[in-house]
PDB file of N, CA and C in Angstrom:
ATOM      1  N   MET A   1     -17.920 100.474 -19.226  1.00  0.00           N
ATOM      2  CA  MET A   1     -18.446 101.686 -19.805  1.00  0.00           C
ATOM      3  C   MET A   1     -18.856 102.632 -18.686  1.00  0.00           C
ATOM      4  N   LYS A   2     -18.370 103.840 -18.750  1.00  0.00           N
ATOM      5  CA  LYS A   2     -18.768 104.849 -17.783  1.00  0.00           C
ATOM      6  C   LYS A   2     -20.121 105.400 -18.216  1.00  0.00           C
ATOM      7  N   LEU A   3     -21.052 105.454 -17.272  1.00  0.00           N
ATOM      8  CA  LEU A   3     -22.371 105.973 -17.604  1.00  0.00           C
ATOM      9  C   LEU A   3     -22.370 107.491 -17.552  1.00  0.00           C
ATOM     10  N   THR A   4     -22.622 108.077 -18.677  1.00  0.00           N
ATOM     11  CA  THR A   4     -22.795 109.525 -18.783  1.00  0.00           C
ATOM     12  C   THR A   4     -24.197 109.760 -19.318  1.00  0.00           C
ATOM     13  N   ILE A   5     -24.644 110.989 -19.270  1.00  0.00           N
ATOM     14  CA  ILE A   5     -25.962 111.305 -19.805  1.00  0.00           C
ATOM     15  C   ILE A   5     -26.034 110.917 -21.278  1.00  0.00           C
ATOM     16  N   GLU A   6     -24.989 111.205 -22.030  1.00  0.00           N
ATOM     17  CA  GLU A   6     -24.984 110.861 -23.451  1.00  0.00           C
ATOM     18  C   GLU A   6     -25.029 109.348 -23.672  1.00  0.00           C
ATOM     19  N   ASN A   7     -24.271 108.596 -22.864  1.00  0.00           N
ATOM     20  CA  ASN A   7     -24.300 107.135 -22.985  1.00  0.00           C
ATOM     21  C   ASN A   7     -25.685 106.580 -22.682  1.00  0.00           C
ATOM     22  N   VAL A   8     -26.322 107.111 -21.641  1.00  0.00           N
ATOM     23  CA  VAL A   8     -27.658 106.632 -21.286  1.00  0.00           C
ATOM     24  C   VAL A   8     -28.646 106.964 -22.404  1.00  0.00           C
ATOM     25  N   LYS A   9     -28.517 108.139 -23.003  1.00  0.00           N
ATOM     26  CA  LYS A   9     -29.408 108.495 -24.117  1.00  0.00           C
ATOM     27  C   LYS A   9     -29.216 107.538 -25.296  1.00  0.00           C
ATOM     28  N   LYS A  10     -27.985 107.166 -25.581  1.00  0.00           N
ATOM     29  CA  LYS A  10     -27.724 106.193 -26.648  1.00  0.00           C
ATOM     30  C   LYS A  10     -28.319 104.836 -26.294  1.00  0.00           C
ATOM     31  N   MET A  11     -28.199 104.460 -25.027  1.00  0.00           N
ATOM     32  CA  MET A  11     -28.762 103.195 -24.574  1.00  0.00           C
ATOM     33  C   MET A  11     -30.281 103.202 -24.709  1.00  0.00           C
ATOM     34  N   LEU A  12     -30.904 104.331 -24.410  1.00  0.00           N
ATOM     35  CA  LEU A  12     -32.355 104.436 -24.536  1.00  0.00           C
ATOM     36  C   LEU A  12     -32.801 104.245 -25.986  1.00  0.00           C
ATOM     37  N   LYS A  13     -32.048 104.789 -26.914  1.00  0.00           N
ATOM     38  CA  LYS A  13     -32.378 104.608 -28.336  1.00  0.00           C
ATOM     39  C   LYS A  13     -32.284 103.130 -28.724  1.00  0.00           C
ATOM     40  N   LYS A  14     -31.234 102.458 -28.265  1.00  0.00           N
ATOM     41  CA  LYS A  14     -31.077 101.035 -28.567  1.00  0.00           C
ATOM     42  C   LYS A  14     -32.185 100.216 -27.900  1.00  0.00           C
ATOM     43  N   ALA A  15     -32.544 100.591 -26.686  1.00  0.00           N
ATOM     44  CA  ALA A  15     -33.612  99.881 -25.974  1.00  0.00           C
ATOM     45  C   ALA A  15     -34.943 100.061 -26.693  1.00  0.00           C
ATOM     46  N   LYS A  16     -35.198 101.254 -27.192  1.00  0.00           N
ATOM     47  CA  LYS A  16     -36.439 101.495 -27.932  1.00  0.00           C
ATOM     48  C   LYS A  16     -36.498 100.610 -29.178  1.00  0.00           C
ATOM     49  N   LYS A  17     -35.386 100.503 -29.889  1.00  0.00           N
ATOM     50  CA  LYS A  17     -35.330  99.646 -31.081  1.00  0.00           C
ATOM     51  C   LYS A  17     -35.561  98.175 -30.721  1.00  0.00           C
ATOM     52  N   ALA A  18     -35.216  97.797 -29.496  1.00  0.00           N
ATOM     53  CA  ALA A  18     -35.393  96.419 -29.034  1.00  0.00           C
ATOM     54  C   ALA A  18     -36.762  96.226 -28.367  1.00  0.00           C
ATOM     55  N   ASP A  19     -37.663  97.191 -28.563  1.00  0.00           N
ATOM     56  CA  ASP A  19     -39.034  97.123 -28.043  1.00  0.00           C
ATOM     57  C   ASP A  19     -39.133  97.182 -26.525  1.00  0.00           C
ATOM     58  N   ALA A  20     -38.337  98.037 -25.922  1.00  0.00           N
ATOM     59  CA  ALA A  20     -38.435  98.233 -24.478  1.00  0.00           C
ATOM     60  C   ALA A  20     -39.788  98.840 -24.129  1.00  0.00           C
ATOM     61  N   CYS A  21     -40.222  98.628 -22.928  1.00  0.00           N
ATOM     62  CA  CYS A  21     -41.467  99.188 -22.424  1.00  0.00           C
ATOM     63  C   CYS A  21     -41.402 100.718 -22.503  1.00  0.00           C
ATOM     64  N   SER A  22     -42.378 101.320 -23.158  1.00  0.00           N
ATOM     65  CA  SER A  22     -42.359 102.776 -23.326  1.00  0.00           C
ATOM     66  C   SER A  22     -42.464 103.503 -21.989  1.00  0.00           C
ATOM     67  N   GLU A  23     -43.192 102.914 -21.026  1.00  0.00           N
ATOM     68  CA  GLU A  23     -43.293 103.537 -19.700  1.00  0.00           C
ATOM     69  C   GLU A  23     -41.926 103.569 -19.012  1.00  0.00           C
ATOM     70  N   ALA A  24     -41.182 102.492 -19.119  1.00  0.00           N
ATOM     71  CA  ALA A  24     -39.850 102.445 -18.515  1.00  0.00           C
ATOM     72  C   ALA A  24     -38.923 103.448 -19.181  1.00  0.00           C
ATOM     73  N   LEU A  25     -38.979 103.534 -20.507  1.00  0.00           N
ATOM     74  CA  LEU A  25     -38.137 104.500 -21.219  1.00  0.00           C
ATOM     75  C   LEU A  25     -38.477 105.926 -20.797  1.00  0.00           C
ATOM     76  N   THR A  26     -39.757 106.218 -20.662  1.00  0.00           N
ATOM     77  CA  THR A  26     -40.185 107.552 -20.230  1.00  0.00           C
ATOM     78  C   THR A  26     -39.696 107.837 -18.814  1.00  0.00           C
ATOM     79  N   GLU A  27     -39.823 106.845 -17.928  1.00  0.00           N
ATOM     80  CA  GLU A  27     -39.368 107.022 -16.550  1.00  0.00           C
ATOM     81  C   GLU A  27     -37.863 107.291 -16.493  1.00  0.00           C
ATOM     82  N   ILE A  28     -37.095 106.542 -17.266  1.00  0.00           N
ATOM     83  CA  ILE A  28     -35.643 106.745 -17.279  1.00  0.00           C
ATOM     84  C   ILE A  28     -35.306 108.137 -17.818  1.00  0.00           C
ATOM     85  N   ARG A  29     -35.981 108.547 -18.895  1.00  0.00           N
ATOM     86  CA  ARG A  29     -35.732 109.895 -19.448  1.00  0.00           C
ATOM     87  C   ARG A  29     -36.030 110.970 -18.416  1.00  0.00           C
ATOM     88  N   CYS A  30     -37.144 110.827 -17.703  1.00  0.00           N
ATOM     89  CA  CYS A  30     -37.510 111.818 -16.679  1.00  0.00           C
ATOM     90  C   CYS A  30     -36.471 111.855 -15.559  1.00  0.00           C
ATOM     91  N   LEU A  31     -36.059 110.684 -15.101  1.00  0.00           N
ATOM     92  CA  LEU A  31     -35.031 110.624 -14.054  1.00  0.00           C
ATOM     93  C   LEU A  31     -33.739 111.265 -14.541  1.00  0.00           C
ATOM     94  N   LEU A  32     -33.383 110.993 -15.767  1.00  0.00           N
ATOM     95  CA  LEU A  32     -32.158 111.541 -16.346  1.00  0.00           C
ATOM     96  C   LEU A  32     -32.239 113.063 -16.420  1.00  0.00           C
ATOM     97  N   ASP A  33     -33.378 113.568 -16.858  1.00  0.00           N
ATOM     98  CA  ASP A  33     -33.561 115.023 -16.960  1.00  0.00           C
ATOM     99  C   ASP A  33     -33.576 115.707 -15.596  1.00  0.00           C
ATOM    100  N   GLU A  34     -34.177 115.043 -14.614  1.00  0.00           N
ATOM    101  CA  GLU A  34     -34.335 115.649 -13.289  1.00  0.00           C
ATOM    102  C   GLU A  34     -33.091 115.531 -12.410  1.00  0.00           C
ATOM    103  N   GLY A  35     -32.404 114.384 -12.491  1.00  0.00           N
ATOM    104  CA  GLY A  35     -31.306 114.180 -11.555  1.00  0.00           C
ATOM    105  C   GLY A  35     -30.064 113.565 -12.142  1.00  0.00           C
ATOM    106  N   GLY A  36     -30.042 113.409 -13.465  1.00  0.00           N
ATOM    107  CA  GLY A  36     -28.864 112.857 -14.108  1.00  0.00           C
ATOM    108  C   GLY A  36     -28.730 111.357 -13.909  1.00  0.00           C
ATOM    109  N   VAL A  37     -27.557 110.856 -14.231  1.00  0.00           N
ATOM    110  CA  VAL A  37     -27.280 109.425 -14.154  1.00  0.00           C
ATOM    111  C   VAL A  37     -27.472 108.913 -12.727  1.00  0.00           C
ATOM    112  N   GLU A  38     -27.126 109.726 -11.741  1.00  0.00           N
ATOM    113  CA  GLU A  38     -27.262 109.311 -10.342  1.00  0.00           C
ATOM    114  C   GLU A  38     -28.712 108.978 -10.004  1.00  0.00           C
ATOM    115  N   ALA A  39     -29.654 109.738 -10.542  1.00  0.00           N
ATOM    116  CA  ALA A  39     -31.074 109.478 -10.288  1.00  0.00           C
ATOM    117  C   ALA A  39     -31.514 108.169 -10.941  1.00  0.00           C
ATOM    118  N   VAL A  40     -31.004 107.880 -12.113  1.00  0.00           N
ATOM    119  CA  VAL A  40     -31.331 106.622 -12.784  1.00  0.00           C
ATOM    120  C   VAL A  40     -30.788 105.457 -11.961  1.00  0.00           C
ATOM    121  N   LEU A  41     -29.551 105.564 -11.524  1.00  0.00           N
ATOM    122  CA  LEU A  41     -28.931 104.494 -10.741  1.00  0.00           C
ATOM    123  C   LEU A  41     -29.603 104.309  -9.385  1.00  0.00           C
ATOM    124  N   ALA A  42     -30.191 105.363  -8.835  1.00  0.00           N
ATOM    125  CA  ALA A  42     -30.848 105.292  -7.530  1.00  0.00           C
ATOM    126  C   ALA A  42     -32.256 104.702  -7.613  1.00  0.00           C
ATOM    127  N   SER A  43     -32.787 104.544  -8.814  1.00  0.00           N
ATOM    128  CA  SER A  43     -34.137 104.014  -8.975  1.00  0.00           C
ATOM    129  C   SER A  43     -34.216 102.564  -8.516  1.00  0.00           C
ATOM    130  N   ASP A  44     -35.340 102.211  -7.899  1.00  0.00           N
ATOM    131  CA  ASP A  44     -35.564 100.829  -7.488  1.00  0.00           C
ATOM    132  C   ASP A  44     -35.616  99.880  -8.687  1.00  0.00           C
ATOM    133  N   GLU A  45     -35.884 100.411  -9.864  1.00  0.00           N
ATOM    134  CA  GLU A  45     -36.004  99.594 -11.072  1.00  0.00           C
ATOM    135  C   GLU A  45     -34.682  99.415 -11.823  1.00  0.00           C
ATOM    136  N   CYS A  46     -33.642 100.080 -11.403  1.00  0.00           N
ATOM    137  CA  CYS A  46     -32.387 100.085 -12.148  1.00  0.00           C
ATOM    138  C   CYS A  46     -31.823  98.686 -12.374  1.00  0.00           C
ATOM    139  N   SER A  47     -31.912  97.812 -11.381  1.00  0.00           N
ATOM    140  CA  SER A  47     -31.402  96.442 -11.538  1.00  0.00           C
ATOM    141  C   SER A  47     -32.119  95.717 -12.659  1.00  0.00           C
ATOM    142  N   TRP A  48     -33.438  95.897 -12.712  1.00  0.00           N
ATOM    143  CA  TRP A  48     -34.228  95.261 -13.768  1.00  0.00           C
ATOM    144  C   TRP A  48     -33.913  95.849 -15.122  1.00  0.00           C
ATOM    145  N   TRP A  49     -33.779  97.157 -15.203  1.00  0.00           N
ATOM    146  CA  TRP A  49     -33.444  97.797 -16.480  1.00  0.00           C
ATOM    147  C   TRP A  49     -32.108  97.273 -17.007  1.00  0.00           C
ATOM    148  N   ALA A  50     -31.130  97.162 -16.097  1.00  0.00           N
ATOM    149  CA  ALA A  50     -29.803  96.685 -16.508  1.00  0.00           C
ATOM    150  C   ALA A  50     -29.869  95.234 -16.987  1.00  0.00           C
ATOM    151  N   TYR A  51     -30.605  94.404 -16.239  1.00  0.00           N
ATOM    152  CA  TYR A  51     -30.771  93.006 -16.663  1.00  0.00           C
ATOM    153  C   TYR A  51     -31.436  92.949 -18.041  1.00  0.00           C
ATOM    154  N   TRP A  52     -32.541  93.699 -18.222  1.00  0.00           N
ATOM    155  CA  TRP A  52     -33.279  93.686 -19.480  1.00  0.00           C
ATOM    156  C   TRP A  52     -32.386  94.128 -20.637  1.00  0.00           C
ATOM    157  N   TYR A  53     -31.598  95.167 -20.413  1.00  0.00           N
ATOM    158  CA  TYR A  53     -30.715  95.687 -21.445  1.00  0.00           C
ATOM    159  C   TYR A  53     -29.678  94.631 -21.854  1.00  0.00           C
ATOM    160  N   ALA A  54     -29.116  93.955 -20.866  1.00  0.00           N
ATOM    161  CA  ALA A  54     -28.129  92.906 -21.167  1.00  0.00           C
ATOM    162  C   ALA A  54     -28.767  91.782 -21.983  1.00  0.00           C
ATOM    163  N   GLU A  55     -29.969  91.374 -21.591  1.00  0.00           N
ATOM    164  CA  GLU A  55     -30.619  90.262 -22.291  1.00  0.00           C
ATOM    165  C   GLU A  55     -31.112  90.655 -23.679  1.00  0.00           C
ATOM    166  N   ASN A  56     -31.738  91.795 -23.804  1.00  0.00           N
ATOM    167  CA  ASN A  56     -32.453  92.131 -25.029  1.00  0.00           C
ATOM    168  C   ASN A  56     -31.702  93.031 -26.001  1.00  0.00           C
ATOM    169  N   VAL A  57     -30.731  93.772 -25.524  1.00  0.00           N
ATOM    170  CA  VAL A  57     -29.974  94.656 -26.415  1.00  0.00           C
ATOM    171  C   VAL A  57     -28.571  94.092 -26.640  1.00  0.00           C
ATOM    172  N   LEU A  58     -27.838  93.883 -25.563  1.00  0.00           N
ATOM    173  CA  LEU A  58     -26.475  93.382 -25.692  1.00  0.00           C
ATOM    174  C   LEU A  58     -26.443  91.895 -26.053  1.00  0.00           C
ATOM    175  N   LYS A  59     -27.429  91.159 -25.542  1.00  0.00           N
ATOM    176  CA  LYS A  59     -27.533  89.714 -25.772  1.00  0.00           C
ATOM    177  C   LYS A  59     -26.312  88.953 -25.260  1.00  0.00           C
ATOM    178  N   THR A  60     -25.738  89.487 -24.193  1.00  0.00           N
ATOM    179  CA  THR A  60     -24.588  88.864 -23.549  1.00  0.00           C
ATOM    180  C   THR A  60     -24.426  89.474 -22.163  1.00  0.00           C
ATOM    181  N   ARG A  61     -23.476  88.953 -21.415  1.00  0.00           N
ATOM    182  CA  ARG A  61     -23.184  89.516 -20.094  1.00  0.00           C
ATOM    183  C   ARG A  61     -22.776  90.967 -20.226  1.00  0.00           C
ATOM    184  N   TRP A  62     -23.065  91.723 -19.186  1.00  0.00           N
ATOM    185  CA  TRP A  62     -22.693  93.129 -19.110  1.00  0.00           C
ATOM    186  C   TRP A  62     -21.949  93.324 -17.789  1.00  0.00           C
ATOM    187  N   PRO A  63     -20.655  93.017 -17.767  1.00  0.00           N
ATOM    188  CA  PRO A  63     -19.893  93.053 -16.513  1.00  0.00           C
ATOM    189  C   PRO A  63     -19.975  94.398 -15.768  1.00  0.00           C
ATOM    190  N   GLU A  64     -20.007  95.482 -16.515  1.00  0.00           N
ATOM    191  CA  GLU A  64     -20.046  96.805 -15.870  1.00  0.00           C
ATOM    192  C   GLU A  64     -21.350  97.039 -15.106  1.00  0.00           C
ATOM    193  N   ALA A  65     -22.396  96.305 -15.419  1.00  0.00           N
ATOM    194  CA  ALA A  65     -23.684  96.493 -14.755  1.00  0.00           C
ATOM    195  C   ALA A  65     -23.984  95.416 -13.715  1.00  0.00           C
ATOM    196  N   GLU A  66     -23.112  94.442 -13.578  1.00  0.00           N
ATOM    197  CA  GLU A  66     -23.412  93.321 -12.695  1.00  0.00           C
ATOM    198  C   GLU A  66     -23.524  93.723 -11.230  1.00  0.00           C
ATOM    199  N   ASP A  67     -22.768  94.707 -10.787  1.00  0.00           N
ATOM    200  CA  ASP A  67     -22.923  95.177  -9.407  1.00  0.00           C
ATOM    201  C   ASP A  67     -24.325  95.745  -9.196  1.00  0.00           C
ATOM    202  N   GLU A  68     -24.822  96.448 -10.177  1.00  0.00           N
ATOM    203  CA  GLU A  68     -26.168  97.018 -10.083  1.00  0.00           C
ATOM    204  C   GLU A  68     -27.223  95.912 -10.120  1.00  0.00           C
ATOM    205  N   ILE A  69     -27.071  94.952 -10.998  1.00  0.00           N
ATOM    206  CA  ILE A  69     -28.030  93.856 -11.113  1.00  0.00           C
ATOM    207  C   ILE A  69     -28.088  93.058  -9.816  1.00  0.00           C
ATOM    208  N   GLN A  70     -26.946  92.922  -9.139  1.00  0.00           N
ATOM    209  CA  GLN A  70     -26.882  92.156  -7.891  1.00  0.00           C
ATOM    210  C   GLN A  70     -27.560  92.850  -6.720  1.00  0.00           C
ATOM    211  N   LYS A  71     -28.146  93.995  -6.916  1.00  0.00           N
ATOM    212  CA  LYS A  71     -28.873  94.676  -5.838  1.00  0.00           C
ATOM    213  C   LYS A  71     -30.298  94.150  -5.686  1.00  0.00           C
ATOM    214  N   ASP A  72     -30.766  93.353  -6.643  1.00  0.00           N
ATOM    215  CA  ASP A  72     -32.127  92.827  -6.608  1.00  0.00           C
ATOM    216  C   ASP A  72     -32.080  91.321  -6.867  1.00  0.00           C
ATOM    217  N   ALA A  73     -32.604  90.530  -5.940  1.00  0.00           N
ATOM    218  CA  ALA A  73     -32.533  89.071  -6.057  1.00  0.00           C
ATOM    219  C   ALA A  73     -33.251  88.562  -7.302  1.00  0.00           C
ATOM    220  N   TYR A  74     -34.415  89.114  -7.606  1.00  0.00           N
ATOM    221  CA  TYR A  74     -35.165  88.666  -8.788  1.00  0.00           C
ATOM    222  C   TYR A  74     -34.404  88.976 -10.069  1.00  0.00           C
ATOM    223  N   ALA A  75     -33.849  90.182 -10.149  1.00  0.00           N
ATOM    224  CA  ALA A  75     -33.082  90.561 -11.343  1.00  0.00           C
ATOM    225  C   ALA A  75     -31.836  89.688 -11.474  1.00  0.00           C
ATOM    226  N   ALA A  76     -31.187  89.394 -10.353  1.00  0.00           N
ATOM    227  CA  ALA A  76     -29.994  88.543 -10.381  1.00  0.00           C
ATOM    228  C   ALA A  76     -30.344  87.133 -10.848  1.00  0.00           C
ATOM    229  N   TYR A  77     -31.473  86.617 -10.370  1.00  0.00           N
ATOM    230  CA  TYR A  77     -31.934  85.293 -10.800  1.00  0.00           C
ATOM    231  C   TYR A  77     -32.205  85.295 -12.308  1.00  0.00           C
ATOM    232  N   ALA A  78     -32.931  86.294 -12.789  1.00  0.00           N
ATOM    233  CA  ALA A  78     -33.248  86.376 -14.217  1.00  0.00           C
ATOM    234  C   ALA A  78     -31.979  86.508 -15.060  1.00  0.00           C
ATOM    235  N   TYR A  79     -31.034  87.295 -14.585  1.00  0.00           N
ATOM    236  CA  TYR A  79     -29.765  87.483 -15.291  1.00  0.00           C
ATOM    237  C   TYR A  79     -29.005  86.156 -15.393  1.00  0.00           C
ATOM    238  N   ALA A  80     -28.989  85.400 -14.290  1.00  0.00           N
ATOM    239  CA  ALA A  80     -28.307  84.097 -14.304  1.00  0.00           C
ATOM    240  C   ALA A  80     -28.978  83.149 -15.296  1.00  0.00           C
ATOM    241  N   VAL A  81     -30.306  83.108 -15.273  1.00  0.00           N
ATOM    242  CA  VAL A  81     -31.037  82.176 -16.122  1.00  0.00           C
ATOM    243  C   VAL A  81     -30.974  82.574 -17.591  1.00  0.00           C
ATOM    244  N   HIS A  82     -31.233  83.850 -17.882  1.00  0.00           N
ATOM    245  CA  HIS A  82     -31.427  84.270 -19.270  1.00  0.00           C
ATOM    246  C   HIS A  82     -30.192  84.856 -19.952  1.00  0.00           C
ATOM    247  N   VAL A  83     -29.261  85.372 -19.181  1.00  0.00           N
ATOM    248  CA  VAL A  83     -28.070  85.984 -19.780  1.00  0.00           C
ATOM    249  C   VAL A  83     -26.851  85.079 -19.597  1.00  0.00           C
ATOM    250  N   ILE A  84     -26.537  84.761 -18.359  1.00  0.00           N
ATOM    251  CA  ILE A  84     -25.384  83.901 -18.090  1.00  0.00           C
ATOM    252  C   ILE A  84     -25.684  82.463 -18.524  1.00  0.00           C
ATOM    253  N   LYS A  85     -26.932  82.061 -18.339  1.00  0.00           N
ATOM    254  CA  LYS A  85     -27.375  80.703 -18.663  1.00  0.00           C
ATOM    255  C   LYS A  85     -26.612  79.664 -17.844  1.00  0.00           C
ATOM    256  N   GLY A  86     -26.398  80.039 -16.595  1.00  0.00           N
ATOM    257  CA  GLY A  86     -25.707  79.165 -15.665  1.00  0.00           C
ATOM    258  C   GLY A  86     -25.682  79.806 -14.287  1.00  0.00           C
ATOM    259  N   ARG A  87     -25.115  79.108 -13.345  1.00  0.00           N
ATOM    260  CA  ARG A  87     -25.023  79.652 -11.990  1.00  0.00           C
ATOM    261  C   ARG A  87     -24.215  80.936 -12.000  1.00  0.00           C
ATOM    262  N   TRP A  88     -24.550  81.816 -11.062  1.00  0.00           N
ATOM    263  CA  TRP A  88     -23.844  83.074 -10.895  1.00  0.00           C
ATOM    264  C   TRP A  88     -23.394  83.152  -9.438  1.00  0.00           C
ATOM    265  N   PRO A  89     -22.264  82.531  -9.122  1.00  0.00           N
ATOM    266  CA  PRO A  89     -21.811  82.448  -7.731  1.00  0.00           C
ATOM    267  C   PRO A  89     -21.698  83.804  -7.031  1.00  0.00           C
ATOM    268  N   GLU A  90     -21.309  84.830  -7.764  1.00  0.00           N
ATOM    269  CA  GLU A  90     -21.145  86.160  -7.158  1.00  0.00           C
ATOM    270  C   GLU A  90     -22.471  86.722  -6.622  1.00  0.00           C
ATOM    271  N   ALA A  91     -23.587  86.246  -7.142  1.00  0.00           N
ATOM    272  CA  ALA A  91     -24.895  86.754  -6.708  1.00  0.00           C
ATOM    273  C   ALA A  91     -25.621  85.801  -5.766  1.00  0.00           C
ATOM    274  N   GLU A  92     -25.052  84.651  -5.493  1.00  0.00           N
ATOM    275  CA  GLU A  92     -25.779  83.642  -4.726  1.00  0.00           C
ATOM    276  C   GLU A  92     -26.051  84.036  -3.284  1.00  0.00           C
ATOM    277  N   ASP A  93     -25.202  84.844  -2.660  1.00  0.00           N
ATOM    278  CA  ASP A  93     -25.499  85.298  -1.301  1.00  0.00           C
ATOM    279  C   ASP A  93     -26.784  86.122  -1.276  1.00  0.00           C
ATOM    280  N   LEU A  94     -26.957  86.979  -2.260  1.00  0.00           N
ATOM    281  CA  LEU A  94     -28.187  87.774  -2.360  1.00  0.00           C
ATOM    282  C   LEU A  94     -29.370  86.871  -2.707  1.00  0.00           C
ATOM    283  N   ILE A  95     -29.209  86.007  -3.666  1.00  0.00           N
ATOM    284  CA  ILE A  95     -30.291  85.142  -4.130  1.00  0.00           C
ATOM    285  C   ILE A  95     -30.817  84.266  -3.002  1.00  0.00           C
ATOM    286  N   ARG A  96     -29.936  83.720  -2.180  1.00  0.00           N
ATOM    287  CA  ARG A  96     -30.389  82.810  -1.127  1.00  0.00           C
ATOM    288  C   ARG A  96     -31.151  83.519  -0.015  1.00  0.00           C
ATOM    289  N   ARG A  97     -31.158  84.853   0.023  1.00  0.00           N
ATOM    290  CA  ARG A  97     -31.907  85.597   1.047  1.00  0.00           C
ATOM    291  C   ARG A  97     -33.398  85.696   0.741  1.00  0.00           C
ATOM    292  N   ASN A  98     -33.788  85.336  -0.472  1.00  0.00           N
ATOM    293  CA  ASN A  98     -35.193  85.375  -0.860  1.00  0.00           C
ATOM    294  C   ASN A  98     -35.620  83.937  -1.129  1.00  0.00           C
ATOM    295  N   ALA A  99     -36.544  83.419  -0.312  1.00  0.00           N
ATOM    296  CA  ALA A  99     -36.898  82.005  -0.390  1.00  0.00           C
ATOM    297  C   ALA A  99     -37.393  81.594  -1.772  1.00  0.00           C
ATOM    298  N   TRP A 100     -38.292  82.367  -2.375  1.00  0.00           N
ATOM    299  CA  TRP A 100     -38.836  82.005  -3.684  1.00  0.00           C
ATOM    300  C   TRP A 100     -37.735  81.990  -4.734  1.00  0.00           C
ATOM    301  N   VAL A 101     -36.921  83.029  -4.743  1.00  0.00           N
ATOM    302  CA  VAL A 101     -35.847  83.129  -5.732  1.00  0.00           C
ATOM    303  C   VAL A 101     -34.827  82.017  -5.509  1.00  0.00           C
ATOM    304  N   ALA A 102     -34.459  81.775  -4.264  1.00  0.00           N
ATOM    305  CA  ALA A 102     -33.476  80.735  -3.956  1.00  0.00           C
ATOM    306  C   ALA A 102     -33.979  79.362  -4.397  1.00  0.00           C
ATOM    307  N   TYR A 103     -35.245  79.062  -4.102  1.00  0.00           N
ATOM    308  CA  TYR A 103     -35.819  77.780  -4.496  1.00  0.00           C
ATOM    309  C   TYR A 103     -35.772  77.608  -6.013  1.00  0.00           C
ATOM    310  N   ASN A 104     -36.223  78.611  -6.736  1.00  0.00           N
ATOM    311  CA  ASN A 104     -36.271  78.512  -8.197  1.00  0.00           C
ATOM    312  C   ASN A 104     -34.886  78.495  -8.826  1.00  0.00           C
ATOM    313  N   TYR A 105     -33.968  79.242  -8.262  1.00  0.00           N
ATOM    314  CA  TYR A 105     -32.584  79.249  -8.749  1.00  0.00           C
ATOM    315  C   TYR A 105     -31.979  77.858  -8.576  1.00  0.00           C
ATOM    316  N   ALA A 106     -32.116  77.291  -7.381  1.00  0.00           N
ATOM    317  CA  ALA A 106     -31.556  75.961  -7.113  1.00  0.00           C
ATOM    318  C   ALA A 106     -32.234  74.908  -7.978  1.00  0.00           C
ATOM    319  N   LYS A 107     -33.536  75.015  -8.145  1.00  0.00           N
ATOM    320  CA  LYS A 107     -34.273  74.063  -8.980  1.00  0.00           C
ATOM    321  C   LYS A 107     -33.834  74.184 -10.441  1.00  0.00           C
ATOM    322  N   HIS A 108     -33.696  75.413 -10.914  1.00  0.00           N
ATOM    323  CA  HIS A 108     -33.323  75.638 -12.311  1.00  0.00           C
ATOM    324  C   HIS A 108     -31.943  75.057 -12.625  1.00  0.00           C
ATOM    325  N   PHE A 109     -31.009  75.264 -11.693  1.00  0.00           N
ATOM    326  CA  PHE A 109     -29.640  74.809 -11.938  1.00  0.00           C
ATOM    327  C   PHE A 109     -29.335  73.460 -11.293  1.00  0.00           C
ATOM    328  N   LYS A 110     -30.359  72.822 -10.752  1.00  0.00           N
ATOM    329  CA  LYS A 110     -30.275  71.462 -10.216  1.00  0.00           C
ATOM    330  C   LYS A 110     -29.130  71.272  -9.213  1.00  0.00           C
ATOM    331  N   PHE A 111     -29.202  72.047  -8.160  1.00  0.00           N
ATOM    332  CA  PHE A 111     -28.242  71.863  -7.069  1.00  0.00           C
ATOM    333  C   PHE A 111     -28.945  72.166  -5.753  1.00  0.00           C
ATOM    334  N   GLU A 112     -28.285  71.840  -4.657  1.00  0.00           N
ATOM    335  CA  GLU A 112     -28.842  72.125  -3.332  1.00  0.00           C
ATOM    336  C   GLU A 112     -27.924  73.100  -2.619  1.00  0.00           C
ATOM    337  N   TRP A 113     -28.553  74.042  -1.915  1.00  0.00           N
ATOM    338  CA  TRP A 113     -27.768  74.978  -1.107  1.00  0.00           C
ATOM    339  C   TRP A 113     -27.167  74.214   0.053  1.00  0.00           C
ATOM    340  N   SER A 114     -25.970  74.568   0.424  1.00  0.00           N
ATOM    341  CA  SER A 114     -25.414  74.002   1.650  1.00  0.00           C
ATOM    342  C   SER A 114     -25.935  74.859   2.805  1.00  0.00           C
ATOM    343  N   ILE A 115     -26.347  74.198   3.863  1.00  0.00           N
ATOM    344  CA  ILE A 115     -26.890  74.897   5.017  1.00  0.00           C
ATOM    345  C   ILE A 115     -25.733  75.311   5.909  1.00  0.00           C
ATOM    346  N   GLN A 116     -25.711  76.588   6.254  1.00  0.00           N
ATOM    347  CA  GLN A 116     -24.666  77.091   7.129  1.00  0.00           C
ATOM    348  C   GLN A 116     -25.293  77.503   8.446  1.00  0.00           C
ATOM    349  N   CYS A 117     -24.844  76.897   9.538  1.00  0.00           N
ATOM    350  CA  CYS A 117     -25.398  77.194  10.868  1.00  0.00           C
ATOM    351  C   CYS A 117     -24.493  78.131  11.619  1.00  0.00           C
TER     352      CYS A 117
END
């Protein structure tokens, strides 16, 4: 799905129906009004918003947003656990860079990272 202002507005309506945080919805609307889709995508929170939308609105993977979700280790971990419900190899390089996230990811999926020297 190509993100346009109209698409984002439709997504905001669906997110509101799914009980999204009103502060987040307001922030996204302001970013959209001030700088368009590019401003929304540039937000530090965009990875989390995309993960939340996939889990709570789409209730399935959102391939078009996975590049964005992979920009934040915590969001990638949450997406793997709650949306994919399994390992997400494409995000593991990012996940392993954060000790807390890497530990919990490996513990959750019951595997050990291979050490690369």
